[in-house]
Amino acid sequence: GEPLPTSKSEKTPGHQNSWSGLDATASTLKTLLCTFLSFIYGWALLNACDDWGFGVMFHCSSYSACSYQSNFVYPTCVTFAFSQASSILNKCKQHDDVGFVQAVTLQINAMVLTVGWAWMNFYSTFMSDATEHVAAGEKSCATSLARWLSSRSIPSPRMFFKRRSNSKSRNWSR
């Protein structure tokens, strides 16, 4: 007959060997590594874009040294450029090479992170400018806009309809 089992794991039905769990662990580690790489690559892409945008185009040492107006132009341009590039790269995901598809996914993720961080930097500089002028008692466009936004409440849908004056029921009409 059959050869005798040589280990305890071979006696267990459905269990081939003691190394069979490594495939799932390797897959998990690959996913984790790709996640780490996407953030590292995202930061590298953000730093490269920031250096070009703020250093070369706006002549600032960093985003925080530029005005909030420059910080608005920058993420607007980055959003437009990266949304166009992402739509093109997304079409490339139908490629047969798994490594190529992972590289495209890594690039798209880095561009998404860069756009988000660019808008966060705009908000940060906008609010710094607004609070700086408020503390000094000055008025600026940012201060006025911040005050106006904070004074507004979300309008009720009923605000757009007039109530019929003769009716006691809740009939709303335009």
N, C-alpha and C. Protein backbone atom coordinates (compact mmCIF):
# COMPACT_ATOMS: atom_id res chain seq x y z
N GLY A 1 0.43 -1.13 0.00
CA GLY A 1 0.00 0.00 0.00
C GLY A 1 0.52 1.36 0.00
N GLU A 2 -0.18 2.12 0.81
CA GLU A 2 0.08 3.55 0.89
C GLU A 2 1.19 3.83 1.89
N PRO A 3 1.96 4.91 1.67
CA PRO A 3 3.01 5.25 2.63
C PRO A 3 2.40 5.72 3.94
N LEU A 4 3.08 5.44 5.01
CA LEU A 4 2.63 5.87 6.34
C LEU A 4 2.83 7.37 6.51
N PRO A 5 1.90 8.04 7.23
CA PRO A 5 2.07 9.47 7.46
C PRO A 5 3.33 9.72 8.29
N THR A 6 4.03 10.82 7.95
CA THR A 6 5.28 11.11 8.64
C THR A 6 5.15 12.23 9.66
N SER A 7 4.04 12.99 9.64
CA SER A 7 3.86 14.05 10.63
C SER A 7 2.42 14.07 11.09
N LYS A 8 2.19 14.77 12.18
CA LYS A 8 0.86 14.87 12.75
C LYS A 8 -0.09 15.60 11.79
N SER A 9 0.43 16.61 11.05
CA SER A 9 -0.42 17.37 10.14
C SER A 9 -0.91 16.53 8.98
N GLU A 10 -0.18 15.51 8.59
CA GLU A 10 -0.60 14.67 7.49
C GLU A 10 -1.71 13.72 7.90
N LYS A 11 -1.90 13.51 9.22
CA LYS A 11 -2.97 12.63 9.71
C LYS A 11 -4.32 13.35 9.68
N THR A 12 -4.31 14.69 9.70
CA THR A 12 -5.54 15.46 9.73
C THR A 12 -6.14 15.49 8.33
N PRO A 13 -7.42 15.06 8.19
CA PRO A 13 -8.04 15.07 6.85
C PRO A 13 -8.17 16.49 6.32
N GLY A 14 -7.89 16.70 5.03
CA GLY A 14 -8.03 17.99 4.38
C GLY A 14 -6.86 18.93 4.62
N HIS A 15 -5.89 18.54 5.41
CA HIS A 15 -4.75 19.40 5.71
C HIS A 15 -3.52 18.78 5.09
N GLN A 16 -2.95 19.44 4.10
CA GLN A 16 -1.84 18.86 3.35
C GLN A 16 -0.52 18.90 4.12
N ASN A 17 -0.13 20.08 4.60
CA ASN A 17 1.11 20.18 5.34
C ASN A 17 1.04 21.39 6.29
N SER A 18 2.05 21.55 7.09
CA SER A 18 2.02 22.62 8.08
C SER A 18 2.32 23.99 7.48
N TRP A 19 2.69 24.07 6.19
CA TRP A 19 3.02 25.34 5.54
C TRP A 19 1.86 25.90 4.71
N SER A 20 0.71 25.27 4.73
CA SER A 20 -0.38 25.68 3.85
C SER A 20 -0.96 27.05 4.20
N GLY A 21 -0.81 27.53 5.40
CA GLY A 21 -1.33 28.85 5.78
C GLY A 21 -0.49 30.00 5.29
N LEU A 22 0.68 29.73 4.74
CA LEU A 22 1.57 30.80 4.28
C LEU A 22 1.05 31.52 3.05
N ASP A 23 0.27 30.86 2.21
CA ASP A 23 -0.27 31.53 1.03
C ASP A 23 -1.17 32.69 1.43
N ALA A 24 -2.03 32.50 2.40
CA ALA A 24 -2.91 33.56 2.88
C ALA A 24 -2.11 34.67 3.55
N THR A 25 -1.08 34.30 4.30
CA THR A 25 -0.22 35.29 4.96
C THR A 25 0.54 36.10 3.93
N ALA A 26 1.05 35.46 2.90
CA ALA A 26 1.79 36.15 1.84
C ALA A 26 0.88 37.14 1.11
N SER A 27 -0.35 36.74 0.86
CA SER A 27 -1.30 37.62 0.21
C SER A 27 -1.60 38.85 1.08
N THR A 28 -1.77 38.62 2.37
CA THR A 28 -2.02 39.72 3.31
C THR A 28 -0.82 40.65 3.39
N LEU A 29 0.37 40.10 3.40
CA LEU A 29 1.58 40.92 3.45
C LEU A 29 1.76 41.73 2.17
N LYS A 30 1.41 41.14 1.02
CA LYS A 30 1.48 41.88 -0.24
C LYS A 30 0.52 43.07 -0.21
N THR A 31 -0.68 42.84 0.27
CA THR A 31 -1.67 43.91 0.35
C THR A 31 -1.19 45.00 1.29
N LEU A 32 -0.65 44.61 2.43
CA LEU A 32 -0.14 45.57 3.40
C LEU A 32 1.03 46.37 2.82
N LEU A 33 1.93 45.70 2.13
CA LEU A 33 3.07 46.37 1.51
C LEU A 33 2.61 47.36 0.44
N CYS A 34 1.63 46.97 -0.36
CA CYS A 34 1.10 47.88 -1.38
C CYS A 34 0.44 49.10 -0.76
N THR A 35 -0.23 48.92 0.38
CA THR A 35 -0.84 50.05 1.08
C THR A 35 0.24 51.00 1.60
N PHE A 36 1.28 50.46 2.21
CA PHE A 36 2.39 51.30 2.68
C PHE A 36 3.04 52.04 1.52
N LEU A 37 3.30 51.33 0.43
CA LEU A 37 3.93 51.95 -0.72
C LEU A 37 3.06 53.04 -1.34
N SER A 38 1.76 52.85 -1.31
CA SER A 38 0.89 53.88 -1.90
C SER A 38 0.97 55.18 -1.11
N PHE A 39 1.06 55.10 0.22
CA PHE A 39 1.20 56.32 1.01
C PHE A 39 2.58 56.94 0.84
N ILE A 40 3.62 56.12 0.81
CA ILE A 40 4.97 56.65 0.61
C ILE A 40 5.08 57.30 -0.76
N TYR A 41 4.56 56.63 -1.77
CA TYR A 41 4.58 57.20 -3.12
C TYR A 41 3.69 58.44 -3.20
N GLY A 42 2.56 58.42 -2.49
CA GLY A 42 1.67 59.58 -2.44
C GLY A 42 2.37 60.79 -1.85
N TRP A 43 3.10 60.60 -0.76
CA TRP A 43 3.85 61.71 -0.15
C TRP A 43 4.94 62.21 -1.09
N ALA A 44 5.61 61.28 -1.78
CA ALA A 44 6.65 61.68 -2.72
C ALA A 44 6.06 62.50 -3.87
N LEU A 45 4.92 62.06 -4.39
CA LEU A 45 4.25 62.79 -5.47
C LEU A 45 3.79 64.16 -4.98
N LEU A 46 3.22 64.22 -3.78
CA LEU A 46 2.79 65.49 -3.21
C LEU A 46 3.97 66.44 -3.06
N ASN A 47 5.09 65.95 -2.51
CA ASN A 47 6.26 66.80 -2.32
C ASN A 47 6.81 67.29 -3.66
N ALA A 48 6.84 66.44 -4.66
CA ALA A 48 7.33 66.86 -5.98
C ALA A 48 6.40 67.92 -6.58
N CYS A 49 5.10 67.69 -6.50
CA CYS A 49 4.14 68.67 -7.03
C CYS A 49 4.19 69.98 -6.23
N ASP A 50 4.28 69.89 -4.90
CA ASP A 50 4.38 71.09 -4.07
C ASP A 50 5.64 71.88 -4.40
N ASP A 51 6.76 71.19 -4.55
CA ASP A 51 8.01 71.89 -4.88
C ASP A 51 7.91 72.60 -6.23
N TRP A 52 7.31 71.94 -7.20
CA TRP A 52 7.16 72.58 -8.50
C TRP A 52 6.14 73.71 -8.43
N GLY A 53 4.97 73.43 -7.87
CA GLY A 53 3.89 74.43 -7.84
C GLY A 53 4.23 75.64 -7.00
N PHE A 54 4.61 75.42 -5.76
CA PHE A 54 4.87 76.55 -4.87
C PHE A 54 6.27 77.13 -5.04
N GLY A 55 7.27 76.28 -5.24
CA GLY A 55 8.63 76.77 -5.38
C GLY A 55 8.90 77.43 -6.71
N VAL A 56 8.56 76.73 -7.80
CA VAL A 56 8.86 77.23 -9.14
C VAL A 56 7.81 78.23 -9.62
N MET A 57 6.54 77.87 -9.51
CA MET A 57 5.49 78.72 -10.08
C MET A 57 5.12 79.92 -9.20
N PHE A 58 5.03 79.71 -7.88
CA PHE A 58 4.60 80.79 -7.00
C PHE A 58 5.74 81.44 -6.21
N HIS A 59 6.95 80.92 -6.35
CA HIS A 59 8.14 81.46 -5.67
C HIS A 59 7.95 81.53 -4.15
N CYS A 60 7.42 80.46 -3.57
CA CYS A 60 7.24 80.36 -2.12
C CYS A 60 8.11 79.20 -1.61
N SER A 61 8.48 79.27 -0.35
CA SER A 61 9.29 78.18 0.20
C SER A 61 8.45 76.95 0.51
N SER A 62 7.16 77.13 0.75
CA SER A 62 6.25 76.00 1.00
C SER A 62 4.82 76.50 0.82
N TYR A 63 3.87 75.58 0.93
CA TYR A 63 2.46 75.98 0.78
C TYR A 63 2.06 76.97 1.86
N SER A 64 2.59 76.81 3.06
CA SER A 64 2.19 77.68 4.17
C SER A 64 2.78 79.08 4.04
N ALA A 65 3.81 79.26 3.20
CA ALA A 65 4.40 80.58 2.98
C ALA A 65 3.68 81.33 1.86
N CYS A 66 2.81 80.66 1.13
CA CYS A 66 2.05 81.29 0.05
C CYS A 66 0.69 81.76 0.56
N SER A 67 0.06 82.61 -0.21
CA SER A 67 -1.26 83.12 0.15
C SER A 67 -2.31 82.03 -0.03
N TYR A 68 -3.47 82.25 0.57
CA TYR A 68 -4.54 81.27 0.37
C TYR A 68 -5.04 81.31 -1.06
N GLN A 69 -4.86 82.45 -1.76
CA GLN A 69 -5.25 82.52 -3.16
C GLN A 69 -4.39 81.58 -4.01
N SER A 70 -3.09 81.57 -3.76
CA SER A 70 -2.20 80.64 -4.47
C SER A 70 -2.54 79.21 -4.09
N ASN A 71 -2.89 79.01 -2.83
CA ASN A 71 -3.26 77.69 -2.36
C ASN A 71 -4.62 77.24 -2.90
N PHE A 72 -5.39 78.15 -3.45
CA PHE A 72 -6.63 77.78 -4.12
C PHE A 72 -6.35 77.40 -5.58
N VAL A 73 -5.50 78.16 -6.23
CA VAL A 73 -5.17 77.89 -7.63
C VAL A 73 -4.48 76.53 -7.76
N TYR A 74 -3.56 76.25 -6.85
CA TYR A 74 -2.79 75.00 -6.90
C TYR A 74 -3.68 73.75 -6.84
N PRO A 75 -4.53 73.56 -5.82
CA PRO A 75 -5.34 72.33 -5.83
C PRO A 75 -6.38 72.28 -6.94
N THR A 76 -6.81 73.45 -7.42
CA THR A 76 -7.73 73.45 -8.56
C THR A 76 -7.04 72.86 -9.78
N CYS A 77 -5.81 73.30 -10.04
CA CYS A 77 -5.05 72.77 -11.18
C CYS A 77 -4.69 71.30 -11.00
N VAL A 78 -4.27 70.94 -9.78
CA VAL A 78 -3.92 69.54 -9.49
C VAL A 78 -5.15 68.64 -9.64
N THR A 79 -6.29 69.11 -9.17
CA THR A 79 -7.53 68.33 -9.30
C THR A 79 -7.87 68.09 -10.76
N PHE A 80 -7.80 69.14 -11.56
CA PHE A 80 -8.13 69.00 -12.98
C PHE A 80 -7.15 68.06 -13.67
N ALA A 81 -5.85 68.28 -13.48
CA ALA A 81 -4.84 67.47 -14.16
C ALA A 81 -4.91 66.00 -13.73
N PHE A 82 -5.02 65.77 -12.43
CA PHE A 82 -5.03 64.39 -11.94
C PHE A 82 -6.34 63.67 -12.23
N SER A 83 -7.44 64.39 -12.32
CA SER A 83 -8.70 63.72 -12.67
C SER A 83 -8.65 63.26 -14.12
N GLN A 84 -8.05 64.07 -14.99
CA GLN A 84 -7.91 63.66 -16.39
C GLN A 84 -6.95 62.47 -16.50
N ALA A 85 -5.83 62.53 -15.80
CA ALA A 85 -4.85 61.44 -15.83
C ALA A 85 -5.43 60.16 -15.23
N SER A 86 -6.20 60.29 -14.16
CA SER A 86 -6.81 59.10 -13.53
C SER A 86 -7.80 58.42 -14.45
N SER A 87 -8.57 59.21 -15.19
CA SER A 87 -9.54 58.58 -16.09
C SER A 87 -8.82 57.82 -17.21
N ILE A 88 -7.70 58.35 -17.67
CA ILE A 88 -6.92 57.64 -18.70
C ILE A 88 -6.29 56.38 -18.11
N LEU A 89 -5.68 56.52 -16.93
CA LEU A 89 -5.03 55.36 -16.29
C LEU A 89 -6.04 54.28 -15.90
N ASN A 90 -7.24 54.69 -15.54
CA ASN A 90 -8.26 53.72 -15.16
C ASN A 90 -8.61 52.80 -16.32
N LYS A 91 -8.52 53.32 -17.54
CA LYS A 91 -8.77 52.49 -18.73
C LYS A 91 -7.66 51.46 -18.92
N CYS A 92 -6.47 51.74 -18.39
CA CYS A 92 -5.33 50.82 -18.52
C CYS A 92 -5.41 49.64 -17.55
N LYS A 93 -6.36 49.65 -16.64
CA LYS A 93 -6.48 48.56 -15.66
C LYS A 93 -6.95 47.26 -16.31
N GLN A 94 -7.34 47.32 -17.56
CA GLN A 94 -7.80 46.11 -18.25
C GLN A 94 -6.64 45.31 -18.82
N HIS A 95 -5.43 45.72 -18.52
CA HIS A 95 -4.22 45.06 -18.99
C HIS A 95 -4.08 43.69 -18.34
N ASP A 96 -3.43 42.74 -19.00
CA ASP A 96 -3.30 41.39 -18.47
C ASP A 96 -2.22 41.25 -17.41
N ASP A 97 -1.21 42.10 -17.43
CA ASP A 97 -0.09 42.01 -16.50
C ASP A 97 -0.50 42.52 -15.11
N VAL A 98 -0.43 41.65 -14.11
CA VAL A 98 -0.85 41.98 -12.75
C VAL A 98 0.03 43.09 -12.17
N GLY A 99 1.32 43.03 -12.42
CA GLY A 99 2.24 44.05 -11.93
C GLY A 99 1.93 45.42 -12.50
N PHE A 100 1.58 45.46 -13.78
CA PHE A 100 1.21 46.73 -14.42
C PHE A 100 -0.05 47.30 -13.81
N VAL A 101 -1.04 46.45 -13.57
CA VAL A 101 -2.30 46.89 -12.97
C VAL A 101 -2.05 47.42 -11.56
N GLN A 102 -1.17 46.77 -10.79
CA GLN A 102 -0.85 47.26 -9.45
C GLN A 102 -0.14 48.60 -9.51
N ALA A 103 0.74 48.80 -10.49
CA ALA A 103 1.43 50.08 -10.65
C ALA A 103 0.44 51.20 -11.01
N VAL A 104 -0.51 50.90 -11.87
CA VAL A 104 -1.53 51.88 -12.24
C VAL A 104 -2.39 52.22 -11.02
N THR A 105 -2.77 51.22 -10.25
CA THR A 105 -3.55 51.45 -9.04
C THR A 105 -2.77 52.29 -8.04
N LEU A 106 -1.48 52.02 -7.91
CA LEU A 106 -0.61 52.79 -7.03
C LEU A 106 -0.56 54.26 -7.48
N GLN A 107 -0.45 54.49 -8.77
CA GLN A 107 -0.39 55.85 -9.31
C GLN A 107 -1.70 56.60 -9.07
N ILE A 108 -2.81 55.95 -9.33
CA ILE A 108 -4.12 56.59 -9.13
C ILE A 108 -4.32 56.92 -7.66
N ASN A 109 -3.97 56.00 -6.77
CA ASN A 109 -4.10 56.25 -5.34
C ASN A 109 -3.23 57.43 -4.91
N ALA A 110 -2.01 57.52 -5.42
CA ALA A 110 -1.11 58.63 -5.09
C ALA A 110 -1.70 59.96 -5.57
N MET A 111 -2.31 59.96 -6.75
CA MET A 111 -2.90 61.19 -7.26
C MET A 111 -4.11 61.61 -6.43
N VAL A 112 -4.91 60.65 -6.00
CA VAL A 112 -6.06 60.96 -5.15
C VAL A 112 -5.60 61.54 -3.82
N LEU A 113 -4.58 60.94 -3.22
CA LEU A 113 -4.05 61.46 -1.96
C LEU A 113 -3.48 62.87 -2.14
N THR A 114 -2.78 63.11 -3.23
CA THR A 114 -2.20 64.42 -3.50
C THR A 114 -3.28 65.49 -3.64
N VAL A 115 -4.35 65.17 -4.33
CA VAL A 115 -5.46 66.12 -4.47
C VAL A 115 -6.08 66.43 -3.11
N GLY A 116 -6.30 65.41 -2.32
CA GLY A 116 -6.88 65.62 -0.99
C GLY A 116 -5.99 66.46 -0.09
N TRP A 117 -4.70 66.16 -0.10
CA TRP A 117 -3.77 66.93 0.73
C TRP A 117 -3.64 68.37 0.23
N ALA A 118 -3.71 68.58 -1.08
CA ALA A 118 -3.62 69.94 -1.63
C ALA A 118 -4.82 70.77 -1.18
N TRP A 119 -6.02 70.19 -1.19
CA TRP A 119 -7.19 70.92 -0.72
C TRP A 119 -7.13 71.15 0.79
N MET A 120 -6.59 70.19 1.52
CA MET A 120 -6.42 70.37 2.96
C MET A 120 -5.46 71.53 3.23
N ASN A 121 -4.39 71.65 2.46
CA ASN A 121 -3.46 72.75 2.63
C ASN A 121 -4.12 74.09 2.32
N PHE A 122 -4.97 74.13 1.30
CA PHE A 122 -5.71 75.36 1.01
C PHE A 122 -6.57 75.75 2.20
N TYR A 123 -7.32 74.81 2.72
CA TYR A 123 -8.20 75.10 3.86
C TYR A 123 -7.37 75.59 5.05
N SER A 124 -6.24 74.97 5.26
CA SER A 124 -5.38 75.36 6.38
C SER A 124 -4.89 76.80 6.22
N THR A 125 -4.42 77.17 5.04
CA THR A 125 -3.94 78.54 4.84
C THR A 125 -5.08 79.54 4.84
N PHE A 126 -6.22 79.15 4.31
CA PHE A 126 -7.39 80.04 4.31
C PHE A 126 -7.82 80.36 5.74
N MET A 127 -7.92 79.33 6.56
CA MET A 127 -8.35 79.56 7.95
C MET A 127 -7.28 80.29 8.75
N SER A 128 -6.00 80.04 8.48
CA SER A 128 -4.94 80.78 9.16
C SER A 128 -5.02 82.26 8.83
N ASP A 129 -5.25 82.56 7.56
CA ASP A 129 -5.38 83.96 7.15
C ASP A 129 -6.60 84.61 7.79
N ALA A 130 -7.72 83.89 7.80
CA ALA A 130 -8.94 84.45 8.37
C ALA A 130 -8.80 84.70 9.86
N THR A 131 -8.24 83.75 10.59
CA THR A 131 -8.11 83.92 12.04
C THR A 131 -7.04 84.94 12.39
N GLU A 132 -6.03 85.07 11.55
CA GLU A 132 -4.98 86.08 11.78
C GLU A 132 -5.56 87.49 11.69
N HIS A 133 -6.41 87.72 10.71
CA HIS A 133 -7.01 89.03 10.54
C HIS A 133 -8.08 89.31 11.60
N VAL A 134 -8.77 88.29 12.04
CA VAL A 134 -9.76 88.47 13.09
C VAL A 134 -9.07 88.87 14.39
N ALA A 135 -7.95 88.22 14.70
CA ALA A 135 -7.21 88.53 15.92
C ALA A 135 -6.66 89.96 15.88
N ALA A 136 -6.31 90.43 14.70
CA ALA A 136 -5.78 91.78 14.57
C ALA A 136 -6.90 92.82 14.43
N GLY A 137 -8.14 92.38 14.34
CA GLY A 137 -9.26 93.29 14.20
C GLY A 137 -9.43 93.85 12.80
N GLU A 138 -8.76 93.26 11.84
CA GLU A 138 -8.83 93.73 10.46
C GLU A 138 -9.92 92.97 9.71
N LYS A 139 -10.29 93.53 8.59
CA LYS A 139 -11.22 92.84 7.71
C LYS A 139 -10.49 92.45 6.45
N SER A 140 -10.73 91.26 5.99
CA SER A 140 -10.17 90.81 4.73
C SER A 140 -11.22 89.98 4.01
N CYS A 141 -10.94 89.62 2.82
CA CYS A 141 -11.87 88.79 2.06
C CYS A 141 -12.09 87.46 2.77
N ALA A 142 -11.00 86.86 3.26
CA ALA A 142 -11.10 85.57 3.94
C ALA A 142 -11.92 85.70 5.22
N THR A 143 -11.71 86.78 5.97
CA THR A 143 -12.46 86.99 7.21
C THR A 143 -13.93 87.16 6.91
N SER A 144 -14.24 87.99 5.93
CA SER A 144 -15.64 88.23 5.56
C SER A 144 -16.32 86.95 5.10
N LEU A 145 -15.62 86.18 4.27
CA LEU A 145 -16.19 84.93 3.78
C LEU A 145 -16.39 83.94 4.92
N ALA A 146 -15.41 83.84 5.82
CA ALA A 146 -15.55 82.93 6.96
C ALA A 146 -16.71 83.33 7.85
N ARG A 147 -16.87 84.61 8.09
CA ARG A 147 -18.01 85.08 8.91
C ARG A 147 -19.34 84.80 8.20
N TRP A 148 -19.38 85.07 6.89
CA TRP A 148 -20.60 84.85 6.15
C TRP A 148 -20.98 83.37 6.15
N LEU A 149 -20.00 82.50 5.94
CA LEU A 149 -20.27 81.06 5.93
C LEU A 149 -20.73 80.58 7.30
N SER A 150 -20.15 81.11 8.36
CA SER A 150 -20.52 80.64 9.70
C SER A 150 -21.89 81.18 10.12
N SER A 151 -22.34 82.28 9.52
CA SER A 151 -23.64 82.84 9.90
C SER A 151 -24.79 82.19 9.16
N ARG A 152 -24.51 81.44 8.14
CA ARG A 152 -25.55 80.80 7.33
C ARG A 152 -25.95 79.46 7.94
N SER A 153 -27.23 79.22 7.89
CA SER A 153 -27.70 77.91 8.30
C SER A 153 -28.19 77.18 7.05
N ILE A 154 -28.34 75.91 7.18
CA ILE A 154 -28.81 75.12 6.05
C ILE A 154 -30.29 75.43 5.86
N PRO A 155 -30.68 75.90 4.67
CA PRO A 155 -32.08 76.27 4.47
C PRO A 155 -33.00 75.07 4.47
N SER A 156 -34.15 75.27 5.02
CA SER A 156 -35.18 74.24 5.03
C SER A 156 -35.84 74.20 3.66
N PRO A 157 -36.22 73.02 3.20
CA PRO A 157 -36.92 72.96 1.90
C PRO A 157 -38.22 73.76 1.92
N ARG A 158 -38.84 73.90 3.09
CA ARG A 158 -40.08 74.66 3.20
C ARG A 158 -39.86 76.15 2.92
N MET A 159 -38.66 76.59 3.05
CA MET A 159 -38.33 77.99 2.83
C MET A 159 -38.64 78.39 1.39
N PHE A 160 -38.62 77.43 0.49
CA PHE A 160 -38.82 77.71 -0.92
C PHE A 160 -40.30 77.64 -1.33
N PHE A 161 -41.16 77.31 -0.41
CA PHE A 161 -42.59 77.22 -0.70
C PHE A 161 -43.35 78.19 0.19
N LYS A 162 -44.45 78.74 -0.34
CA LYS A 162 -45.29 79.64 0.45
C LYS A 162 -46.48 78.85 0.96
N ARG A 163 -46.88 79.12 2.19
CA ARG A 163 -48.03 78.46 2.75
C ARG A 163 -49.29 79.20 2.33
N ARG A 164 -50.30 78.45 1.99
CA ARG A 164 -51.58 79.07 1.64
C ARG A 164 -52.19 79.65 2.90
N SER A 165 -52.53 80.91 2.85
CA SER A 165 -53.00 81.59 4.05
C SER A 165 -54.41 81.17 4.47
N ASN A 166 -55.27 80.79 3.54
CA ASN A 166 -56.65 80.45 3.87
C ASN A 166 -56.81 79.03 4.38
N SER A 167 -55.87 78.18 4.15
CA SER A 167 -56.01 76.78 4.51
C SER A 167 -55.37 76.50 5.86
N LYS A 168 -56.04 75.72 6.69
CA LYS A 168 -55.49 75.34 7.98
C LYS A 168 -54.66 74.07 7.88
N SER A 169 -54.79 73.36 6.80
CA SER A 169 -53.99 72.15 6.62
C SER A 169 -52.61 72.54 6.11
N ARG A 170 -51.71 71.59 6.10
CA ARG A 170 -50.35 71.88 5.68
C ARG A 170 -50.19 71.71 4.17
N ASN A 171 -50.91 72.48 3.42
CA ASN A 171 -50.77 72.49 1.97
C ASN A 171 -49.73 73.53 1.59
N TRP A 172 -48.74 73.07 0.93
CA TRP A 172 -47.68 73.98 0.52
C TRP A 172 -47.72 74.12 -0.98
N SER A 173 -47.61 75.33 -1.43
CA SER A 173 -47.60 75.56 -2.88
C SER A 173 -46.49 76.54 -3.22
N ARG A 174 -46.20 76.61 -4.46
CA ARG A 174 -45.14 77.53 -4.91
C ARG A 174 -45.65 78.91 -5.09
